[in-house]
Amino acid sequence: MRIFLLVAVFSLSLPLFAAGSVDFELGTAENVHNVFRIPGVGGTWVSLPAELQVNDITYERVRVNYLPDEHTTWSVLYAPLKFHASGVSSQLINFDTASFPAGTALEGSYKFNSYRLSYTYVAHPERTLSYGYGYTLKVRDAAITLNGGDISAESSNVGLVPLLNFRVDWQLDERSKITFDGDALVAPMGRAEDVALAYRYAVTPETTVRVTYRILEGGADNDNVYNFAQVNYTGVGVEYKFK
């Protein structure tokens, strides 16, 4: 709630000092793949969608953009994400510092909140097919919890992740275009990708609505944690521009 208040205050003050926009996205998220082993050496392999039932959730994302000129975009993104899981374990699960016997009724959760600051440079915004590229600094707030049989354990991590960002726009006509954009990076210790394909339609010069399909995928593999997950999003959004 405090994050939304900060975004709201920033959004309301934006037209006082700069050109920019506020972007809201809302829809359904599905955790199609989520495998973890904690610790990375000695823990038990667990697949949330296979071992426990994970229901689809409603998600929301808020982005505030600062547009100093037609080539440059600075943006701040808040993207919370949390799935809940439940079921009965079919195996002994060694997770973090706890052990859950086979047959234990479990409740669990998977949290992956994201806060990002991005810079993007668009080379030729006037062209029918334009592209942009830049950098993103991401703060990852992640946690996996398991509870059952009076036993509770949680593995959490807050970290700073540098990413590269890209954007491709295909202008179909005066009002509509297709956008493919995202943040991504692959490194020896893991990978992260958040990419989206969207159809955008300008209702007015200031207001654009869109339909979006998004994939969030990635994870880490080290002695402390092994976790790779994929989340598929289907959503709608609206962006309001300030001059």
Foldseek 3Di string as FASTA:
>chain_A
DVVVVVVVVCQVCDLVPAWWKKKKKKFKKDFPWKWKAFQLPPWDIDTQVVFWPKDIDMWMKIKIWGDRDPFKIKMKIKTWDKIKTWDFGQAWGDHHPDIDHHGWTKIKMKIWIKIKIWMKTKDCVPDQKTKIKTKMKMWIWIKIWMDTPNDIDMDIDTDIDIWMKMKIWHHPDPFKIKMWIWTWDQDPFKIWIKIKIKIWGHPDPFKIKIWIWIKIWMFGRDSRMGMTIIMITTIMMMMGIHD
